[in-house]
């Protein structure tokens, strides 16, 4: 179930509050570990943050979530990641 963050080109990272490209729309981040209603996630730049996952549960390690303000608001499905990789 390994999904690559690099398939989402031009993505923002946890290090930045936002960017002119995405207007703070969301940061894709890979789930590294799970702890209750939180997940340790890593963005494309390798920055890590604790993210609340209640809105998108259940979540598995290796999934890519779309995050905003420390909360997961969506996920990138394997089919979406594969399509982005093929198009990129």
PDB file of N, CA and C in Angstrom:
ATOM      1  N   UNK A   1       0.818  -1.190   0.000  1.00  0.00           N
ATOM      2  CA  UNK A   1       0.000   0.000   0.000  1.00  0.00           C
ATOM      3  C   UNK A   1       0.865   1.258   0.000  1.00  0.00           C
ATOM      4  N   UNK A   2       2.131   1.143  -0.299  1.00  0.00           N
ATOM      5  CA  UNK A   2       3.061   2.275  -0.327  1.00  0.00           C
ATOM      6  C   UNK A   2       2.671   3.235  -1.437  1.00  0.00           C
ATOM      7  N   UNK A   3       2.516   4.504  -1.096  1.00  0.00           N
ATOM      8  CA  UNK A   3       2.169   5.535  -2.072  1.00  0.00           C
ATOM      9  C   UNK A   3       3.207   6.637  -1.980  1.00  0.00           C
ATOM     10  N   UNK A   4       3.601   7.159  -3.096  1.00  0.00           N
ATOM     11  CA  UNK A   4       4.662   8.152  -3.131  1.00  0.00           C
ATOM     12  C   UNK A   4       4.098   9.567  -3.121  1.00  0.00           C
ATOM     13  N   UNK A   5       4.645  10.417  -2.244  1.00  0.00           N
ATOM     14  CA  UNK A   5       4.245  11.821  -2.211  1.00  0.00           C
ATOM     15  C   UNK A   5       4.693  12.554  -3.455  1.00  0.00           C
ATOM     16  N   UNK A   6       5.767  12.102  -4.061  1.00  0.00           N
ATOM     17  CA  UNK A   6       6.302  12.792  -5.226  1.00  0.00           C
ATOM     18  C   UNK A   6       5.340  12.760  -6.407  1.00  0.00           C
ATOM     19  N   UNK A   7       4.277  11.958  -6.308  1.00  0.00           N
ATOM     20  CA  UNK A   7       3.288  11.933  -7.389  1.00  0.00           C
ATOM     21  C   UNK A   7       2.402  13.160  -7.372  1.00  0.00           C
ATOM     22  N   UNK A   8       2.481  13.950  -6.292  1.00  0.00           N
ATOM     23  CA  UNK A   8       1.653  15.142  -6.184  1.00  0.00           C
ATOM     24  C   UNK A   8       2.552  16.356  -6.384  1.00  0.00           C
ATOM     25  N   UNK A   9       2.737  16.753  -7.623  1.00  0.00           N
ATOM     26  CA  UNK A   9       3.692  17.810  -7.931  1.00  0.00           C
ATOM     27  C   UNK A   9       3.209  19.164  -7.431  1.00  0.00           C
ATOM     28  N   UNK A  10       4.160  19.988  -6.991  1.00  0.00           N
ATOM     29  CA  UNK A  10       3.860  21.328  -6.543  1.00  0.00           C
ATOM     30  C   UNK A  10       3.168  21.399  -5.197  1.00  0.00           C
ATOM     31  N   UNK A  11       3.249  20.334  -4.409  1.00  0.00           N
ATOM     32  CA  UNK A  11       2.548  20.292  -3.131  1.00  0.00           C
ATOM     33  C   UNK A  11       3.187  21.220  -2.110  1.00  0.00           C
ATOM     34  N   UNK A  12       2.358  21.788  -1.228  1.00  0.00           N
ATOM     35  CA  UNK A  12       2.852  22.570  -0.101  1.00  0.00           C
ATOM     36  C   UNK A  12       3.391  21.615   0.956  1.00  0.00           C
ATOM     37  N   UNK A  13       4.110  22.165   1.929  1.00  0.00           N
ATOM     38  CA  UNK A  13       4.670  21.353   2.997  1.00  0.00           C
ATOM     39  C   UNK A  13       4.296  21.928   4.352  1.00  0.00           C
ATOM     40  N   UNK A  14       4.515  21.151   5.433  1.00  0.00           N
ATOM     41  CA  UNK A  14       4.202  21.609   6.781  1.00  0.00           C
ATOM     42  C   UNK A  14       5.026  22.836   7.161  1.00  0.00           C
ATOM     43  N   UNK A  15       6.208  22.992   6.572  1.00  0.00           N
ATOM     44  CA  UNK A  15       7.104  24.092   6.919  1.00  0.00           C
ATOM     45  C   UNK A  15       6.535  25.452   6.534  1.00  0.00           C
ATOM     46  N   UNK A  16       5.681  25.492   5.546  1.00  0.00           N
ATOM     47  CA  UNK A  16       5.135  26.749   5.049  1.00  0.00           C
ATOM     48  C   UNK A  16       3.678  26.901   5.464  1.00  0.00           C
ATOM     49  N   UNK A  17       3.280  28.121   5.790  1.00  0.00           N
ATOM     50  CA  UNK A  17       1.886  28.380   6.146  1.00  0.00           C
ATOM     51  C   UNK A  17       0.972  28.280   4.935  1.00  0.00           C
ATOM     52  N   UNK A  18       1.508  28.426   3.786  1.00  0.00           N
ATOM     53  CA  UNK A  18       0.722  28.355   2.564  1.00  0.00           C
ATOM     54  C   UNK A  18       1.572  28.797   1.396  1.00  0.00           C
ATOM     55  N   UNK A  19       1.006  28.742   0.236  1.00  0.00           N
ATOM     56  CA  UNK A  19       1.756  29.186  -0.930  1.00  0.00           C
ATOM     57  C   UNK A  19       0.804  29.799  -1.941  1.00  0.00           C
ATOM     58  N   UNK A  20       1.371  30.511  -2.854  1.00  0.00           N
ATOM     59  CA  UNK A  20       0.569  31.180  -3.873  1.00  0.00           C
ATOM     60  C   UNK A  20      -0.088  30.160  -4.805  1.00  0.00           C
ATOM     61  N   UNK A  21       0.504  28.970  -4.930  1.00  0.00           N
ATOM     62  CA  UNK A  21      -0.033  27.961  -5.826  1.00  0.00           C
ATOM     63  C   UNK A  21      -1.317  27.330  -5.307  1.00  0.00           C
ATOM     64  N   UNK A  22      -1.312  26.922  -4.015  1.00  0.00           N
ATOM     65  CA  UNK A  22      -2.478  26.177  -3.515  1.00  0.00           C
ATOM     66  C   UNK A  22      -3.397  26.998  -2.624  1.00  0.00           C
ATOM     67  N   UNK A  23      -3.024  28.186  -2.249  1.00  0.00           N
ATOM     68  CA  UNK A  23      -3.840  29.052  -1.386  1.00  0.00           C
ATOM     69  C   UNK A  23      -4.291  28.323  -0.129  1.00  0.00           C
ATOM     70  N   UNK A  24      -3.371  27.595   0.494  1.00  0.00           N
ATOM     71  CA  UNK A  24      -3.656  26.867   1.726  1.00  0.00           C
ATOM     72  C   UNK A  24      -4.719  25.794   1.564  1.00  0.00           C
ATOM     73  N   UNK A  25      -4.901  25.262   0.370  1.00  0.00           N
ATOM     74  CA  UNK A  25      -5.959  24.284   0.126  1.00  0.00           C
ATOM     75  C   UNK A  25      -5.749  22.995   0.909  1.00  0.00           C
ATOM     76  N   UNK A  26      -4.551  22.514   1.013  1.00  0.00           N
ATOM     77  CA  UNK A  26      -4.286  21.275   1.724  1.00  0.00           C
ATOM     78  C   UNK A  26      -2.896  20.772   1.438  1.00  0.00           C
ATOM     79  N   UNK A  27      -2.337  20.066   2.411  1.00  0.00           N
ATOM     80  CA  UNK A  27      -0.986  19.537   2.293  1.00  0.00           C
ATOM     81  C   UNK A  27      -1.063  18.020   2.267  1.00  0.00           C
ATOM     82  N   UNK A  28      -0.572  17.369   1.208  1.00  0.00           N
ATOM     83  CA  UNK A  28      -0.541  15.915   1.198  1.00  0.00           C
ATOM     84  C   UNK A  28       0.561  15.421   2.130  1.00  0.00           C
ATOM     85  N   UNK A  29       0.235  14.413   2.919  1.00  0.00           N
ATOM     86  CA  UNK A  29       1.203  13.885   3.880  1.00  0.00           C
ATOM     87  C   UNK A  29       1.002  12.394   4.055  1.00  0.00           C
ATOM     88  N   UNK A  30       2.107  11.684   4.146  1.00  0.00           N
ATOM     89  CA  UNK A  30       2.082  10.230   4.286  1.00  0.00           C
ATOM     90  C   UNK A  30       2.013   9.846   5.762  1.00  0.00           C
ATOM     91  N   UNK A  31       1.138   8.900   6.089  1.00  0.00           N
ATOM     92  CA  UNK A  31       0.984   8.430   7.461  1.00  0.00           C
ATOM     93  C   UNK A  31       2.181   7.547   7.821  1.00  0.00           C
ATOM     94  N   UNK A  32       2.893   7.940   8.892  1.00  0.00           N
ATOM     95  CA  UNK A  32       4.074   7.207   9.363  1.00  0.00           C
ATOM     96  C   UNK A  32       3.710   6.265  10.507  1.00  0.00           C
ATOM     97  N   UNK A  33       2.889   6.761  11.452  1.00  0.00           N
ATOM     98  CA  UNK A  33       2.443   5.933  12.575  1.00  0.00           C
ATOM     99  C   UNK A  33       1.103   6.451  13.073  1.00  0.00           C
ATOM    100  N   UNK A  34       0.398   5.594  13.828  1.00  0.00           N
ATOM    101  CA  UNK A  34      -0.916   5.929  14.348  1.00  0.00           C
ATOM    102  C   UNK A  34      -0.912   5.867  15.865  1.00  0.00           C
ATOM    103  N   UNK A  35      -1.672   6.777  16.500  1.00  0.00           N
ATOM    104  CA  UNK A  35      -1.817   6.797  17.949  1.00  0.00           C
ATOM    105  C   UNK A  35      -3.190   7.358  18.291  1.00  0.00           C
ATOM    106  N   UNK A  36      -4.161   6.475  18.518  1.00  0.00           N
ATOM    107  CA  UNK A  36      -5.515   6.924  18.821  1.00  0.00           C
ATOM    108  C   UNK A  36      -6.125   7.670  17.663  1.00  0.00           C
ATOM    109  N   UNK A  37      -6.553   8.907  17.916  1.00  0.00           N
ATOM    110  CA  UNK A  37      -7.185   9.728  16.881  1.00  0.00           C
ATOM    111  C   UNK A  37      -6.191  10.638  16.163  1.00  0.00           C
ATOM    112  N   UNK A  38      -4.903  10.354  16.309  1.00  0.00           N
ATOM    113  CA  UNK A  38      -3.858  11.146  15.654  1.00  0.00           C
ATOM    114  C   UNK A  38      -2.939  10.248  14.846  1.00  0.00           C
ATOM    115  N   UNK A  39      -2.297  10.849  13.872  1.00  0.00           N
ATOM    116  CA  UNK A  39      -1.305  10.145  13.069  1.00  0.00           C
ATOM    117  C   UNK A  39      -0.076  11.031  12.924  1.00  0.00           C
ATOM    118  N   UNK A  40       1.088  10.418  13.022  1.00  0.00           N
ATOM    119  CA  UNK A  40       2.316  11.126  12.688  1.00  0.00           C
ATOM    120  C   UNK A  40       2.429  11.059  11.179  1.00  0.00           C
ATOM    121  N   UNK A  41       2.485  12.231  10.544  1.00  0.00           N
ATOM    122  CA  UNK A  41       2.518  12.292   9.089  1.00  0.00           C
ATOM    123  C   UNK A  41       3.754  13.048   8.621  1.00  0.00           C
ATOM    124  N   UNK A  42       4.196  12.713   7.423  1.00  0.00           N
ATOM    125  CA  UNK A  42       5.376  13.342   6.825  1.00  0.00           C
ATOM    126  C   UNK A  42       4.998  13.923   5.475  1.00  0.00           C
ATOM    127  N   UNK A  43       5.396  15.182   5.251  1.00  0.00           N
ATOM    128  CA  UNK A  43       5.095  15.827   3.975  1.00  0.00           C
ATOM    129  C   UNK A  43       6.200  15.544   2.957  1.00  0.00           C
ATOM    130  N   UNK A  44       6.050  16.108   1.769  1.00  0.00           N
ATOM    131  CA  UNK A  44       6.982  15.876   0.669  1.00  0.00           C
ATOM    132  C   UNK A  44       8.407  16.319   0.994  1.00  0.00           C
ATOM    133  N   UNK A  45       8.552  17.324   1.879  1.00  0.00           N
ATOM    134  CA  UNK A  45       9.870  17.840   2.249  1.00  0.00           C
ATOM    135  C   UNK A  45      10.499  17.078   3.417  1.00  0.00           C
ATOM    136  N   UNK A  46       9.784  16.085   3.949  1.00  0.00           N
ATOM    137  CA  UNK A  46      10.310  15.310   5.065  1.00  0.00           C
ATOM    138  C   UNK A  46       9.962  15.868   6.434  1.00  0.00           C
ATOM    139  N   UNK A  47       9.187  16.961   6.473  1.00  0.00           N
ATOM    140  CA  UNK A  47       8.741  17.527   7.743  1.00  0.00           C
ATOM    141  C   UNK A  47       7.641  16.647   8.320  1.00  0.00           C
ATOM    142  N   UNK A  48       7.659  16.474   9.650  1.00  0.00           N
ATOM    143  CA  UNK A  48       6.655  15.634  10.299  1.00  0.00           C
ATOM    144  C   UNK A  48       5.779  16.442  11.235  1.00  0.00           C
ATOM    145  N   UNK A  49       4.511  16.013  11.358  1.00  0.00           N
ATOM    146  CA  UNK A  49       3.563  16.679  12.249  1.00  0.00           C
ATOM    147  C   UNK A  49       2.506  15.672  12.694  1.00  0.00           C
ATOM    148  N   UNK A  50       1.969  15.897  13.906  1.00  0.00           N
ATOM    149  CA  UNK A  50       0.833  15.115  14.396  1.00  0.00           C
ATOM    150  C   UNK A  50      -0.429  15.680  13.752  1.00  0.00           C
ATOM    151  N   UNK A  51      -1.232  14.812  13.168  1.00  0.00           N
ATOM    152  CA  UNK A  51      -2.434  15.216  12.451  1.00  0.00           C
ATOM    153  C   UNK A  51      -3.639  14.488  13.034  1.00  0.00           C
ATOM    154  N   UNK A  52      -4.706  15.228  13.303  1.00  0.00           N
ATOM    155  CA  UNK A  52      -5.957  14.628  13.767  1.00  0.00           C
ATOM    156  C   UNK A  52      -6.614  13.904  12.596  1.00  0.00           C
ATOM    157  N   UNK A  53      -7.039  12.658  12.822  1.00  0.00           N
ATOM    158  CA  UNK A  53      -7.562  11.843  11.717  1.00  0.00           C
ATOM    159  C   UNK A  53      -9.035  11.458  11.870  1.00  0.00           C
ATOM    160  N   UNK A  54      -9.729  12.011  12.860  1.00  0.00           N
ATOM    161  CA  UNK A  54     -11.116  11.613  13.105  1.00  0.00           C
ATOM    162  C   UNK A  54     -12.021  11.758  11.878  1.00  0.00           C
ATOM    163  N   UNK A  55     -11.810  12.779  11.069  1.00  0.00           N
ATOM    164  CA  UNK A  55     -12.686  13.025   9.920  1.00  0.00           C
ATOM    165  C   UNK A  55     -12.515  12.018   8.788  1.00  0.00           C
ATOM    166  N   UNK A  56     -11.381  11.322   8.746  1.00  0.00           N
ATOM    167  CA  UNK A  56     -11.124  10.402   7.634  1.00  0.00           C
ATOM    168  C   UNK A  56     -10.886   8.959   8.085  1.00  0.00           C
ATOM    169  N   UNK A  57     -11.073   8.687   9.372  1.00  0.00           N
ATOM    170  CA  UNK A  57     -10.842   7.340   9.912  1.00  0.00           C
ATOM    171  C   UNK A  57     -11.764   6.328   9.228  1.00  0.00           C
ATOM    172  N   UNK A  58     -11.309   5.088   9.093  1.00  0.00           N
ATOM    173  CA  UNK A  58     -10.033   4.548   9.547  1.00  0.00           C
ATOM    174  C   UNK A  58      -8.904   4.880   8.577  1.00  0.00           C
ATOM    175  N   UNK A  59      -7.701   4.938   9.115  1.00  0.00           N
ATOM    176  CA  UNK A  59      -6.508   5.298   8.357  1.00  0.00           C
ATOM    177  C   UNK A  59      -5.472   4.196   8.535  1.00  0.00           C
ATOM    178  N   UNK A  60      -4.691   3.944   7.495  1.00  0.00           N
ATOM    179  CA  UNK A  60      -3.630   2.943   7.550  1.00  0.00           C
ATOM    180  C   UNK A  60      -2.267   3.600   7.347  1.00  0.00           C
ATOM    181  N   UNK A  61      -1.257   3.011   7.938  1.00  0.00           N
ATOM    182  CA  UNK A  61       0.117   3.471   7.728  1.00  0.00           C
ATOM    183  C   UNK A  61       0.438   3.363   6.242  1.00  0.00           C
ATOM    184  N   UNK A  62       1.056   4.397   5.702  1.00  0.00           N
ATOM    185  CA  UNK A  62       1.416   4.425   4.285  1.00  0.00           C
ATOM    186  C   UNK A  62       0.445   5.206   3.420  1.00  0.00           C
ATOM    187  N   UNK A  63      -0.750   5.462   3.922  1.00  0.00           N
ATOM    188  CA  UNK A  63      -1.716   6.244   3.149  1.00  0.00           C
ATOM    189  C   UNK A  63      -1.255   7.698   3.039  1.00  0.00           C
ATOM    190  N   UNK A  64      -1.741   8.375   2.010  1.00  0.00           N
ATOM    191  CA  UNK A  64      -1.479   9.801   1.865  1.00  0.00           C
ATOM    192  C   UNK A  64      -2.773  10.538   2.172  1.00  0.00           C
ATOM    193  N   UNK A  65      -2.696  11.420   3.170  1.00  0.00           N
ATOM    194  CA  UNK A  65      -3.842  12.214   3.586  1.00  0.00           C
ATOM    195  C   UNK A  65      -3.679  13.648   3.110  1.00  0.00           C
ATOM    196  N   UNK A  66      -4.793  14.307   2.885  1.00  0.00           N
ATOM    197  CA  UNK A  66      -4.783  15.737   2.593  1.00  0.00           C
ATOM    198  C   UNK A  66      -5.068  16.429   3.920  1.00  0.00           C
ATOM    199  N   UNK A  67      -4.147  17.297   4.353  1.00  0.00           N
ATOM    200  CA  UNK A  67      -4.248  17.913   5.667  1.00  0.00           C
ATOM    201  C   UNK A  67      -4.371  19.427   5.560  1.00  0.00           C
ATOM    202  N   UNK A  68      -4.990  20.008   6.568  1.00  0.00           N
ATOM    203  CA  UNK A  68      -5.110  21.465   6.639  1.00  0.00           C
ATOM    204  C   UNK A  68      -5.246  21.840   8.108  1.00  0.00           C
ATOM    205  N   UNK A  69      -4.376  22.688   8.599  1.00  0.00           N
ATOM    206  CA  UNK A  69      -4.454  23.150   9.971  1.00  0.00           C
ATOM    207  C   UNK A  69      -4.333  22.044  10.999  1.00  0.00           C
ATOM    208  N   UNK A  70      -3.540  21.010  10.698  1.00  0.00           N
ATOM    209  CA  UNK A  70      -3.341  19.922  11.649  1.00  0.00           C
ATOM    210  C   UNK A  70      -4.444  18.882  11.667  1.00  0.00           C
ATOM    211  N   UNK A  71      -5.336  18.936  10.671  1.00  0.00           N
ATOM    212  CA  UNK A  71      -6.452  17.994  10.588  1.00  0.00           C
ATOM    213  C   UNK A  71      -6.470  17.359   9.203  1.00  0.00           C
ATOM    214  N   UNK A  72      -6.656  16.036   9.156  1.00  0.00           N
ATOM    215  CA  UNK A  72      -6.813  15.356   7.873  1.00  0.00           C
ATOM    216  C   UNK A  72      -8.224  15.631   7.363  1.00  0.00           C
ATOM    217  N   UNK A  73      -8.324  16.141   6.143  1.00  0.00           N
ATOM    218  CA  UNK A  73      -9.626  16.485   5.577  1.00  0.00           C
ATOM    219  C   UNK A  73      -9.977  15.626   4.368  1.00  0.00           C
ATOM    220  N   UNK A  74      -9.068  14.753   3.974  1.00  0.00           N
ATOM    221  CA  UNK A  74      -9.309  13.870   2.840  1.00  0.00           C
ATOM    222  C   UNK A  74      -8.144  12.923   2.673  1.00  0.00           C
ATOM    223  N   UNK A  75      -8.207  12.122   1.649  1.00  0.00           N
ATOM    224  CA  UNK A  75      -7.119  11.186   1.374  1.00  0.00           C
ATOM    225  C   UNK A  75      -6.915  11.074  -0.128  1.00  0.00           C
ATOM    226  N   UNK A  76      -5.719  10.682  -0.499  1.00  0.00           N
ATOM    227  CA  UNK A  76      -5.391  10.396  -1.890  1.00  0.00           C
ATOM    228  C   UNK A  76      -5.502   8.888  -2.037  1.00  0.00           C
ATOM    229  N   UNK A  77      -6.431   8.441  -2.860  1.00  0.00           N
ATOM    230  CA  UNK A  77      -6.599   7.003  -3.059  1.00  0.00           C
ATOM    231  C   UNK A  77      -5.455   6.466  -3.918  1.00  0.00           C
ATOM    232  N   UNK A  78      -5.247   5.178  -3.866  1.00  0.00           N
ATOM    233  CA  UNK A  78      -4.192   4.551  -4.665  1.00  0.00           C
ATOM    234  C   UNK A  78      -4.424   4.839  -6.149  1.00  0.00           C
ATOM    235  N   UNK A  79      -5.677   4.777  -6.596  1.00  0.00           N
ATOM    236  CA  UNK A  79      -5.984   5.058  -8.002  1.00  0.00           C
ATOM    237  C   UNK A  79      -5.624   6.496  -8.373  1.00  0.00           C
ATOM    238  N   UNK A  80      -5.907   7.453  -7.481  1.00  0.00           N
ATOM    239  CA  UNK A  80      -5.562   8.851  -7.739  1.00  0.00           C
ATOM    240  C   UNK A  80      -4.060   9.046  -7.788  1.00  0.00           C
ATOM    241  N   UNK A  81      -3.344   8.424  -6.854  1.00  0.00           N
ATOM    242  CA  UNK A  81      -1.890   8.541  -6.831  1.00  0.00           C
ATOM    243  C   UNK A  81      -1.281   7.923  -8.080  1.00  0.00           C
ATOM    244  N   UNK A  82      -1.791   6.773  -8.500  1.00  0.00           N
ATOM    245  CA  UNK A  82      -1.291   6.118  -9.709  1.00  0.00           C
ATOM    246  C   UNK A  82      -1.545   6.987 -10.944  1.00  0.00           C
ATOM    247  N   UNK A  83      -2.727   7.616 -11.012  1.00  0.00           N
ATOM    248  CA  UNK A  83      -3.040   8.484 -12.148  1.00  0.00           C
ATOM    249  C   UNK A  83      -2.131   9.710 -12.167  1.00  0.00           C
ATOM    250  N   UNK A  84      -1.918  10.334 -11.017  1.00  0.00           N
ATOM    251  CA  UNK A  84      -1.035  11.494 -10.946  1.00  0.00           C
ATOM    252  C   UNK A  84       0.385  11.126 -11.370  1.00  0.00           C
ATOM    253  N   UNK A  85       0.827   9.961 -10.949  1.00  0.00           N
ATOM    254  CA  UNK A  85       2.171   9.500 -11.304  1.00  0.00           C
ATOM    255  C   UNK A  85       2.276   9.276 -12.807  1.00  0.00           C
ATOM    256  N   UNK A  86       1.246   8.698 -13.401  1.00  0.00           N
ATOM    257  CA  UNK A  86       1.249   8.428 -14.844  1.00  0.00           C
ATOM    258  C   UNK A  86       1.185   9.721 -15.646  1.00  0.00           C
ATOM    259  N   UNK A  87       0.428  10.706 -15.151  1.00  0.00           N
ATOM    260  CA  UNK A  87       0.283  11.984 -15.852  1.00  0.00           C
ATOM    261  C   UNK A  87       1.504  12.880 -15.703  1.00  0.00           C
ATOM    262  N   UNK A  88       2.244  12.694 -14.572  1.00  0.00           N
ATOM    263  CA  UNK A  88       3.364  13.580 -14.247  1.00  0.00           C
ATOM    264  C   UNK A  88       4.557  13.281 -15.038  1.00  0.00           C
TER     265      UNK A  88
END
